[in-house]
N, C-alpha and C. Protein backbone atom coordinates (compact mmCIF):
# COMPACT_ATOMS: atom_id res chain seq x y z
N MET A 1 295.01 -46.36 70.88
CA MET A 1 294.92 -45.60 72.10
C MET A 1 294.97 -44.11 71.77
N LYS A 2 294.07 -43.35 72.35
CA LYS A 2 294.03 -41.92 72.11
C LYS A 2 295.10 -41.23 72.93
N VAL A 3 295.61 -40.14 72.37
CA VAL A 3 296.63 -39.36 73.06
C VAL A 3 295.93 -38.27 73.88
N TYR A 4 296.37 -38.12 75.13
CA TYR A 4 295.78 -37.09 75.98
C TYR A 4 296.21 -35.71 75.52
N ARG A 5 295.26 -34.80 75.47
CA ARG A 5 295.59 -33.40 75.19
C ARG A 5 294.65 -32.54 76.01
N LYS A 6 295.16 -31.43 76.48
CA LYS A 6 294.37 -30.54 77.33
C LYS A 6 293.29 -29.84 76.51
N LEU A 7 292.24 -29.44 77.20
CA LEU A 7 291.21 -28.65 76.54
C LEU A 7 291.77 -27.28 76.20
N THR A 8 291.48 -26.83 75.02
CA THR A 8 291.92 -25.51 74.59
C THR A 8 290.80 -24.51 74.85
N LEU A 9 291.12 -23.23 74.67
CA LEU A 9 290.10 -22.19 74.81
C LEU A 9 288.99 -22.40 73.78
N ARG A 10 289.36 -22.83 72.59
CA ARG A 10 288.36 -23.11 71.55
C ARG A 10 287.42 -24.24 71.99
N ASP A 11 287.99 -25.31 72.57
CA ASP A 11 287.16 -26.41 73.08
C ASP A 11 286.21 -25.91 74.16
N ARG A 12 286.73 -25.08 75.05
CA ARG A 12 285.91 -24.56 76.14
C ARG A 12 284.81 -23.64 75.62
N TYR A 13 285.11 -22.89 74.56
CA TYR A 13 284.09 -22.04 73.95
C TYR A 13 282.98 -22.90 73.34
N GLN A 14 283.35 -24.02 72.73
CA GLN A 14 282.35 -24.94 72.18
C GLN A 14 281.49 -25.55 73.29
N ILE A 15 282.10 -25.82 74.44
CA ILE A 15 281.34 -26.31 75.58
C ILE A 15 280.33 -25.25 76.02
N LYS A 16 280.76 -23.99 76.04
CA LYS A 16 279.87 -22.88 76.40
C LYS A 16 278.69 -22.81 75.44
N ILE A 17 278.94 -22.92 74.15
CA ILE A 17 277.86 -22.90 73.15
C ILE A 17 276.89 -24.06 73.40
N GLY A 18 277.45 -25.22 73.67
CA GLY A 18 276.61 -26.38 73.94
C GLY A 18 275.75 -26.21 75.17
N ILE A 19 276.31 -25.64 76.22
CA ILE A 19 275.53 -25.40 77.45
C ILE A 19 274.44 -24.38 77.18
N ASP A 20 274.77 -23.31 76.44
CA ASP A 20 273.77 -22.29 76.11
C ASP A 20 272.63 -22.88 75.28
N ASN A 21 272.94 -23.87 74.44
CA ASN A 21 271.91 -24.53 73.63
C ASN A 21 271.26 -25.71 74.35
N ARG A 22 271.64 -25.89 75.61
CA ARG A 22 271.11 -26.97 76.46
C ARG A 22 271.35 -28.36 75.87
N GLU A 23 272.52 -28.53 75.31
CA GLU A 23 272.91 -29.83 74.76
C GLU A 23 273.47 -30.71 75.87
N ARG A 24 273.36 -32.00 75.66
CA ARG A 24 273.94 -32.96 76.61
C ARG A 24 275.46 -32.99 76.43
N PRO A 25 276.19 -33.32 77.51
CA PRO A 25 277.65 -33.42 77.41
C PRO A 25 278.11 -34.38 76.32
N SER A 26 277.35 -35.44 76.09
CA SER A 26 277.75 -36.40 75.06
C SER A 26 277.72 -35.78 73.66
N LYS A 27 276.74 -34.92 73.40
CA LYS A 27 276.65 -34.25 72.10
C LYS A 27 277.77 -33.23 71.94
N ILE A 28 278.07 -32.50 73.01
CA ILE A 28 279.18 -31.54 72.98
C ILE A 28 280.49 -32.28 72.74
N ALA A 29 280.64 -33.42 73.40
CA ALA A 29 281.87 -34.21 73.29
C ALA A 29 282.10 -34.67 71.85
N VAL A 30 281.04 -35.07 71.17
CA VAL A 30 281.18 -35.51 69.78
C VAL A 30 281.65 -34.34 68.91
N ARG A 31 281.09 -33.15 69.17
CA ARG A 31 281.44 -31.98 68.37
C ARG A 31 282.91 -31.58 68.56
N ILE A 32 283.42 -31.67 69.77
CA ILE A 32 284.82 -31.27 70.00
C ILE A 32 285.78 -32.46 69.97
N GLU A 33 285.24 -33.62 69.63
CA GLU A 33 286.03 -34.86 69.48
C GLU A 33 286.77 -35.22 70.76
N ARG A 34 286.01 -35.25 71.83
CA ARG A 34 286.53 -35.64 73.15
C ARG A 34 285.60 -36.67 73.75
N ASP A 35 286.06 -37.29 74.82
CA ASP A 35 285.22 -38.23 75.55
C ASP A 35 284.18 -37.46 76.35
N ARG A 36 283.02 -38.07 76.52
CA ARG A 36 281.93 -37.44 77.26
C ARG A 36 282.35 -37.10 78.69
N SER A 37 283.17 -37.97 79.30
CA SER A 37 283.58 -37.73 80.68
C SER A 37 284.45 -36.47 80.81
N VAL A 38 285.22 -36.15 79.77
CA VAL A 38 286.04 -34.93 79.79
C VAL A 38 285.14 -33.70 79.86
N VAL A 39 284.10 -33.70 79.04
CA VAL A 39 283.18 -32.56 79.01
C VAL A 39 282.41 -32.47 80.33
N SER A 40 281.92 -33.59 80.82
CA SER A 40 281.18 -33.59 82.09
C SER A 40 282.05 -33.09 83.23
N ARG A 41 283.29 -33.55 83.27
CA ARG A 41 284.22 -33.15 84.33
C ARG A 41 284.53 -31.66 84.24
N GLU A 42 284.69 -31.17 83.01
CA GLU A 42 284.97 -29.74 82.81
C GLU A 42 283.81 -28.88 83.29
N ILE A 43 282.59 -29.29 82.99
CA ILE A 43 281.41 -28.54 83.42
C ILE A 43 281.28 -28.60 84.95
N ALA A 44 281.51 -29.77 85.52
CA ALA A 44 281.40 -29.91 86.97
C ALA A 44 282.47 -29.10 87.70
N THR A 45 283.66 -29.02 87.12
CA THR A 45 284.76 -28.32 87.77
C THR A 45 284.65 -26.81 87.61
N ASN A 46 284.27 -26.36 86.45
CA ASN A 46 284.35 -24.93 86.14
C ASN A 46 283.02 -24.25 85.85
N GLY A 47 281.91 -24.89 86.10
CA GLY A 47 280.65 -24.24 85.76
C GLY A 47 279.48 -24.81 86.53
N GLU A 48 278.33 -24.42 86.10
CA GLU A 48 277.09 -24.92 86.65
C GLU A 48 276.21 -25.37 85.49
N VAL A 49 274.97 -25.75 85.80
CA VAL A 49 274.11 -26.33 84.77
C VAL A 49 273.89 -25.37 83.61
N LEU A 50 273.57 -24.12 83.88
CA LEU A 50 273.28 -23.18 82.79
C LEU A 50 274.29 -22.02 82.74
N TRP A 51 275.42 -22.17 83.41
CA TRP A 51 276.40 -21.11 83.41
C TRP A 51 277.79 -21.70 83.26
N TYR A 52 278.57 -21.15 82.34
CA TYR A 52 279.93 -21.61 82.12
C TYR A 52 280.71 -20.50 81.44
N ASP A 53 281.85 -20.13 82.00
CA ASP A 53 282.68 -19.09 81.43
C ASP A 53 283.97 -19.72 80.91
N PRO A 54 284.11 -19.86 79.59
CA PRO A 54 285.30 -20.52 79.04
C PRO A 54 286.60 -19.78 79.35
N TYR A 55 286.54 -18.46 79.46
CA TYR A 55 287.75 -17.69 79.72
C TYR A 55 288.26 -17.91 81.15
N LYS A 56 287.33 -17.91 82.11
CA LYS A 56 287.72 -18.20 83.50
C LYS A 56 288.21 -19.63 83.64
N ALA A 57 287.56 -20.54 82.96
CA ALA A 57 287.98 -21.95 83.01
C ALA A 57 289.39 -22.12 82.45
N GLN A 58 289.68 -21.43 81.36
CA GLN A 58 291.01 -21.50 80.76
C GLN A 58 292.06 -20.90 81.70
N GLU A 59 291.71 -19.79 82.33
CA GLU A 59 292.65 -19.15 83.25
C GLU A 59 292.91 -20.04 84.48
N ARG A 60 291.88 -20.69 84.99
CA ARG A 60 292.06 -21.63 86.11
C ARG A 60 292.97 -22.78 85.72
N SER A 61 292.78 -23.26 84.51
CA SER A 61 293.61 -24.35 84.02
C SER A 61 295.07 -23.93 83.93
N ARG A 62 295.32 -22.75 83.40
CA ARG A 62 296.69 -22.24 83.30
C ARG A 62 297.30 -22.04 84.68
N ALA A 63 296.54 -21.45 85.60
CA ALA A 63 297.05 -21.19 86.95
C ALA A 63 297.37 -22.50 87.66
N SER A 64 296.50 -23.47 87.50
CA SER A 64 296.71 -24.78 88.14
C SER A 64 297.95 -25.44 87.56
N PHE A 65 298.14 -25.32 86.27
CA PHE A 65 299.30 -25.93 85.62
C PHE A 65 300.59 -25.24 86.05
N LYS A 66 300.56 -23.93 86.19
CA LYS A 66 301.76 -23.18 86.55
C LYS A 66 302.22 -23.47 87.97
N LYS A 67 301.30 -23.46 88.92
CA LYS A 67 301.72 -23.59 90.31
C LYS A 67 301.65 -25.02 90.81
N GLY A 68 301.14 -25.93 90.03
CA GLY A 68 301.01 -27.31 90.48
C GLY A 68 299.66 -27.50 91.13
N PHE A 69 299.19 -28.71 91.10
CA PHE A 69 297.85 -28.99 91.60
C PHE A 69 297.94 -29.75 92.91
N SER A 70 297.27 -29.28 93.91
CA SER A 70 297.22 -29.96 95.19
C SER A 70 295.76 -30.32 95.49
N LYS A 71 295.48 -31.60 95.62
CA LYS A 71 294.12 -32.02 95.92
C LYS A 71 293.64 -31.41 97.22
N ILE A 72 294.52 -31.30 98.18
CA ILE A 72 294.13 -30.81 99.50
C ILE A 72 293.81 -29.31 99.44
N SER A 73 294.61 -28.54 98.73
CA SER A 73 294.37 -27.09 98.63
C SER A 73 293.07 -26.78 97.89
N HIS A 74 292.71 -27.61 96.92
CA HIS A 74 291.53 -27.35 96.10
C HIS A 74 290.25 -27.98 96.62
N ASN A 75 290.32 -28.75 97.70
CA ASN A 75 289.14 -29.41 98.24
C ASN A 75 288.96 -28.98 99.69
N PRO A 76 288.02 -28.07 99.98
CA PRO A 76 287.85 -27.55 101.34
C PRO A 76 287.55 -28.63 102.38
N ASN A 77 286.75 -29.63 102.02
CA ASN A 77 286.44 -30.70 102.97
C ASN A 77 287.68 -31.49 103.32
N LEU A 78 288.46 -31.84 102.32
CA LEU A 78 289.68 -32.59 102.55
C LEU A 78 290.68 -31.76 103.35
N ARG A 79 290.76 -30.50 103.03
CA ARG A 79 291.68 -29.61 103.74
C ARG A 79 291.35 -29.53 105.22
N SER A 80 290.08 -29.32 105.55
CA SER A 80 289.70 -29.24 106.97
C SER A 80 289.90 -30.59 107.67
N TYR A 81 289.64 -31.69 106.95
CA TYR A 81 289.84 -33.02 107.52
C TYR A 81 291.31 -33.25 107.86
N VAL A 82 292.20 -32.95 106.90
CA VAL A 82 293.63 -33.15 107.12
C VAL A 82 294.12 -32.26 108.26
N THR A 83 293.70 -30.99 108.26
CA THR A 83 294.11 -30.06 109.31
C THR A 83 293.67 -30.56 110.68
N GLN A 84 292.43 -31.00 110.78
CA GLN A 84 291.89 -31.48 112.07
C GLN A 84 292.66 -32.71 112.54
N LYS A 85 292.88 -33.67 111.65
CA LYS A 85 293.54 -34.92 112.04
C LYS A 85 295.01 -34.71 112.38
N VAL A 86 295.68 -33.80 111.67
CA VAL A 86 297.08 -33.50 112.00
C VAL A 86 297.15 -32.90 113.40
N LYS A 87 296.22 -32.01 113.72
CA LYS A 87 296.20 -31.39 115.04
C LYS A 87 295.88 -32.40 116.14
N GLU A 88 295.23 -33.50 115.77
CA GLU A 88 294.97 -34.57 116.73
C GLU A 88 296.18 -35.50 116.88
N GLY A 89 297.22 -35.28 116.07
CA GLY A 89 298.44 -36.06 116.19
C GLY A 89 298.53 -37.24 115.24
N TRP A 90 297.66 -37.29 114.25
CA TRP A 90 297.69 -38.39 113.29
C TRP A 90 298.85 -38.19 112.31
N SER A 91 299.40 -39.28 111.83
CA SER A 91 300.44 -39.21 110.80
C SER A 91 299.79 -39.09 109.43
N GLY A 92 300.58 -38.70 108.44
CA GLY A 92 300.07 -38.56 107.08
C GLY A 92 299.56 -39.88 106.52
N THR A 93 300.22 -40.97 106.89
CA THR A 93 299.81 -42.29 106.42
C THR A 93 298.43 -42.67 106.96
N VAL A 94 298.21 -42.40 108.22
CA VAL A 94 296.93 -42.73 108.86
C VAL A 94 295.82 -41.84 108.30
N ILE A 95 296.12 -40.57 108.11
CA ILE A 95 295.12 -39.64 107.57
C ILE A 95 294.68 -40.09 106.17
N ALA A 96 295.65 -40.39 105.31
CA ALA A 96 295.33 -40.82 103.94
C ALA A 96 294.54 -42.12 103.95
N GLY A 97 294.96 -43.06 104.77
CA GLY A 97 294.27 -44.35 104.84
C GLY A 97 292.84 -44.22 105.31
N ARG A 98 292.61 -43.42 106.36
CA ARG A 98 291.25 -43.25 106.89
C ARG A 98 290.37 -42.49 105.91
N TRP A 99 290.91 -41.46 105.26
CA TRP A 99 290.14 -40.70 104.27
C TRP A 99 289.69 -41.62 103.13
N ASN A 100 290.61 -42.45 102.65
CA ASN A 100 290.28 -43.36 101.56
C ASN A 100 289.23 -44.38 101.97
N LEU A 101 289.29 -44.86 103.20
CA LEU A 101 288.29 -45.81 103.68
C LEU A 101 286.92 -45.16 103.82
N ASP A 102 286.89 -43.96 104.38
CA ASP A 102 285.62 -43.29 104.63
C ASP A 102 284.99 -42.72 103.37
N LYS A 103 285.79 -42.10 102.53
CA LYS A 103 285.26 -41.39 101.37
C LYS A 103 285.38 -42.18 100.07
N GLY A 104 286.23 -43.19 100.04
CA GLY A 104 286.41 -43.96 98.83
C GLY A 104 287.16 -43.21 97.75
N LYS A 105 287.82 -42.13 98.13
CA LYS A 105 288.58 -41.33 97.17
C LYS A 105 290.05 -41.49 97.46
N GLY A 106 290.87 -41.41 96.43
CA GLY A 106 292.28 -41.70 96.58
C GLY A 106 293.17 -40.52 96.86
N ILE A 107 293.73 -40.48 98.06
CA ILE A 107 294.87 -39.61 98.32
C ILE A 107 295.94 -40.51 98.94
N THR A 108 297.15 -40.08 98.86
CA THR A 108 298.23 -40.87 99.41
C THR A 108 298.88 -40.12 100.56
N ALA A 109 299.66 -40.85 101.33
CA ALA A 109 300.40 -40.21 102.42
C ALA A 109 301.36 -39.17 101.84
N GLU A 110 301.91 -39.45 100.67
CA GLU A 110 302.82 -38.51 100.02
C GLU A 110 302.10 -37.19 99.73
N THR A 111 300.84 -37.26 99.30
CA THR A 111 300.05 -36.05 99.05
C THR A 111 299.91 -35.24 100.33
N VAL A 112 299.61 -35.92 101.43
CA VAL A 112 299.44 -35.25 102.71
C VAL A 112 300.74 -34.58 103.13
N TYR A 113 301.84 -35.31 103.08
CA TYR A 113 303.11 -34.76 103.53
C TYR A 113 303.58 -33.61 102.64
N LYS A 114 303.39 -33.73 101.33
CA LYS A 114 303.77 -32.63 100.43
C LYS A 114 303.00 -31.37 100.78
N TRP A 115 301.73 -31.52 101.05
CA TRP A 115 300.90 -30.36 101.41
C TRP A 115 301.33 -29.78 102.76
N LEU A 116 301.65 -30.65 103.71
CA LEU A 116 302.04 -30.17 105.05
C LEU A 116 303.35 -29.38 105.03
N TYR A 117 304.26 -29.77 104.15
CA TYR A 117 305.57 -29.15 104.14
C TYR A 117 305.74 -28.08 103.07
N SER A 118 304.69 -27.78 102.31
CA SER A 118 304.78 -26.71 101.33
C SER A 118 303.45 -25.98 101.29
N GLY A 119 303.50 -24.74 100.93
CA GLY A 119 302.27 -23.96 100.76
C GLY A 119 301.52 -23.73 102.05
N ASP A 120 300.22 -24.00 102.00
CA ASP A 120 299.33 -23.68 103.11
C ASP A 120 299.67 -24.43 104.40
N GLY A 121 300.02 -25.69 104.27
CA GLY A 121 300.36 -26.47 105.46
C GLY A 121 301.58 -25.92 106.18
N ALA A 122 302.57 -25.48 105.41
CA ALA A 122 303.78 -24.92 106.01
C ALA A 122 303.49 -23.56 106.65
N LYS A 123 302.62 -22.76 106.03
CA LYS A 123 302.26 -21.45 106.59
C LYS A 123 301.61 -21.61 107.96
N GLU A 124 300.78 -22.63 108.09
CA GLU A 124 300.08 -22.86 109.35
C GLU A 124 300.92 -23.64 110.36
N LYS A 125 302.14 -24.02 109.95
CA LYS A 125 303.07 -24.79 110.79
C LYS A 125 302.42 -26.08 111.33
N LEU A 126 301.71 -26.76 110.45
CA LEU A 126 301.05 -28.00 110.85
C LEU A 126 302.03 -29.13 111.10
N TYR A 127 303.25 -29.01 110.56
CA TYR A 127 304.27 -30.04 110.79
C TYR A 127 304.58 -30.18 112.28
N GLU A 128 304.31 -29.14 113.07
CA GLU A 128 304.58 -29.20 114.51
C GLU A 128 303.68 -30.21 115.21
N PHE A 129 302.55 -30.54 114.60
CA PHE A 129 301.62 -31.49 115.20
C PHE A 129 301.93 -32.94 114.82
N LEU A 130 302.82 -33.13 113.85
CA LEU A 130 303.18 -34.48 113.44
C LEU A 130 303.95 -35.18 114.55
N PRO A 131 303.92 -36.50 114.57
CA PRO A 131 304.59 -37.23 115.65
C PRO A 131 306.07 -36.87 115.82
N ARG A 132 306.78 -36.50 114.75
CA ARG A 132 308.22 -36.20 114.88
C ARG A 132 308.53 -34.71 114.89
N HIS A 133 307.57 -33.84 114.64
CA HIS A 133 307.70 -32.38 114.75
C HIS A 133 308.84 -31.79 113.93
N LYS A 134 309.20 -32.36 112.81
CA LYS A 134 310.35 -31.86 112.05
C LYS A 134 309.93 -30.69 111.16
N LYS A 135 310.77 -29.66 111.16
CA LYS A 135 310.48 -28.46 110.39
C LYS A 135 310.69 -28.69 108.89
N LYS A 136 311.69 -29.49 108.55
CA LYS A 136 311.95 -29.82 107.15
C LYS A 136 311.78 -31.31 106.96
N ARG A 137 311.36 -31.66 105.80
CA ARG A 137 311.13 -33.07 105.49
C ARG A 137 312.42 -33.71 105.03
N GLU A 138 312.72 -34.86 105.58
CA GLU A 138 313.93 -35.58 105.19
C GLU A 138 313.58 -36.56 104.09
N MET A 139 314.47 -36.67 103.15
CA MET A 139 314.26 -37.60 102.05
C MET A 139 314.68 -39.01 102.48
N LEU A 140 313.93 -39.98 102.06
CA LEU A 140 314.23 -41.36 102.36
C LEU A 140 315.33 -41.83 101.41
N ILE A 141 316.41 -42.33 101.99
CA ILE A 141 317.53 -42.81 101.17
C ILE A 141 317.47 -44.33 101.16
N ARG A 142 317.34 -44.87 99.99
CA ARG A 142 317.27 -46.33 99.85
C ARG A 142 318.58 -46.84 99.29
N LYS A 143 319.02 -47.94 99.86
CA LYS A 143 320.26 -48.53 99.38
C LYS A 143 319.97 -49.35 98.12
N ASN A 144 320.91 -49.33 97.23
CA ASN A 144 320.81 -50.14 96.03
C ASN A 144 321.12 -51.59 96.41
N LYS A 145 320.19 -52.47 96.20
CA LYS A 145 320.35 -53.86 96.61
C LYS A 145 321.52 -54.54 95.92
N GLN A 146 321.82 -54.19 94.70
CA GLN A 146 322.88 -54.84 93.96
C GLN A 146 324.26 -54.44 94.46
N ASN A 147 324.39 -53.27 95.04
CA ASN A 147 325.69 -52.80 95.49
C ASN A 147 325.92 -53.03 96.99
N ASP A 148 325.05 -53.75 97.63
CA ASP A 148 325.19 -53.98 99.06
C ASP A 148 326.37 -54.93 99.29
N GLU A 149 327.39 -54.45 100.00
CA GLU A 149 328.63 -55.21 100.19
C GLU A 149 328.46 -56.39 101.16
N THR A 150 327.43 -56.39 101.96
CA THR A 150 327.26 -57.47 102.94
C THR A 150 326.66 -58.72 102.34
N LYS A 151 326.13 -58.65 101.17
CA LYS A 151 325.49 -59.81 100.55
C LYS A 151 326.50 -60.66 99.81
N VAL A 152 326.23 -61.97 99.80
CA VAL A 152 327.11 -62.92 99.12
C VAL A 152 326.37 -63.46 97.91
N SER A 153 327.06 -63.55 96.80
CA SER A 153 326.45 -64.05 95.57
C SER A 153 326.08 -65.53 95.73
N ILE A 154 325.03 -65.94 95.06
CA ILE A 154 324.60 -67.34 95.10
C ILE A 154 325.65 -68.25 94.46
N LYS A 155 326.45 -67.70 93.59
CA LYS A 155 327.51 -68.48 92.94
C LYS A 155 328.62 -68.86 93.91
N GLU A 156 328.74 -68.14 95.00
CA GLU A 156 329.81 -68.38 95.97
C GLU A 156 329.39 -69.27 97.13
N ARG A 157 328.23 -69.88 97.10
CA ARG A 157 327.80 -70.72 98.22
C ARG A 157 328.55 -72.05 98.21
N PRO A 158 328.70 -72.66 99.39
CA PRO A 158 329.47 -73.91 99.51
C PRO A 158 328.82 -75.07 98.74
N ASP A 159 329.66 -76.06 98.38
CA ASP A 159 329.18 -77.23 97.65
C ASP A 159 328.19 -78.05 98.46
N GLU A 160 328.35 -78.10 99.78
CA GLU A 160 327.42 -78.90 100.60
C GLU A 160 325.99 -78.39 100.49
N ILE A 161 325.83 -77.09 100.25
CA ILE A 161 324.48 -76.53 100.05
C ILE A 161 323.99 -76.89 98.66
N ASN A 162 324.87 -76.79 97.66
CA ASN A 162 324.49 -77.13 96.29
C ASN A 162 324.08 -78.60 96.17
N ASN A 163 324.73 -79.48 96.94
CA ASN A 163 324.41 -80.91 96.89
C ASN A 163 323.17 -81.26 97.70
N ARG A 164 322.72 -80.36 98.52
CA ARG A 164 321.52 -80.52 99.34
C ARG A 164 321.61 -81.78 100.21
N GLN A 165 322.73 -81.94 100.90
CA GLN A 165 322.94 -83.12 101.74
C GLN A 165 322.36 -82.93 103.14
N LEU A 166 322.24 -81.70 103.60
CA LEU A 166 321.73 -81.45 104.94
C LEU A 166 320.26 -81.02 104.88
N TYR A 167 319.55 -81.37 105.96
CA TYR A 167 318.16 -80.94 106.08
C TYR A 167 318.13 -79.41 106.16
N GLY A 168 317.26 -78.78 105.45
CA GLY A 168 317.18 -77.34 105.43
C GLY A 168 317.76 -76.74 104.16
N HIS A 169 318.54 -77.53 103.44
CA HIS A 169 319.10 -77.05 102.18
C HIS A 169 318.28 -77.54 100.99
N TRP A 170 317.15 -78.14 101.29
CA TRP A 170 316.30 -78.64 100.22
C TRP A 170 315.38 -77.53 99.74
N GLU A 171 314.97 -77.69 98.54
CA GLU A 171 314.09 -76.71 97.94
C GLU A 171 313.01 -77.48 97.20
N ALA A 172 311.77 -77.05 97.32
CA ALA A 172 310.69 -77.76 96.65
C ALA A 172 309.56 -76.80 96.32
N ASP A 173 308.81 -77.15 95.33
CA ASP A 173 307.59 -76.42 95.00
C ASP A 173 306.42 -77.33 95.32
N LEU A 174 305.34 -76.74 95.77
CA LEU A 174 304.18 -77.50 96.15
C LEU A 174 303.06 -77.24 95.13
N VAL A 175 302.51 -78.33 94.61
CA VAL A 175 301.45 -78.21 93.61
C VAL A 175 300.27 -79.03 94.08
N PHE A 176 299.09 -78.43 94.07
CA PHE A 176 297.87 -79.15 94.44
C PHE A 176 297.05 -79.44 93.19
N GLN A 177 296.49 -80.63 93.14
CA GLN A 177 295.61 -80.97 92.03
C GLN A 177 294.21 -81.07 92.61
N ILE A 178 293.29 -80.32 92.05
CA ILE A 178 291.91 -80.30 92.54
C ILE A 178 291.08 -81.11 91.57
N GLY A 179 290.27 -82.02 92.16
CA GLY A 179 289.33 -82.74 91.32
C GLY A 179 289.70 -84.10 91.07
């Protein structure tokens, strides 16, 4: 299994040389010892067919890494979609589910809520349109199942259940044979 490593400025400069020489992404990928999809994605994200600036691409990569990456902030179509649906009163779960069904691209409700409560979403006060209108996001607290005091261990069940004398205390597996 190959180890993931980010593209360096040197790698990006090699991509620039390849684009200037009108090489295919697969040939560039062999030269910089990367997968073809990495090179294609880099060109699609940071350049055009005959234009690519390795220095700007490197700076974008650094800026994205420093401040964190938000799919919604970096995708204008997704951003306008989320903004419109939140203003219509949709929840983050419904927005993410409908977007994934319509576009076939993966975002989660967590992505939507993180965006709404930080950065651009918070500046626009979009949380006011959510069904609960909360200014701050509350963290979900889950109980540890093992420490739940209301539960009784299976070792402490009565003997009449262990002996399976009453109807309802039986246990069985069902197996079908086909053919």
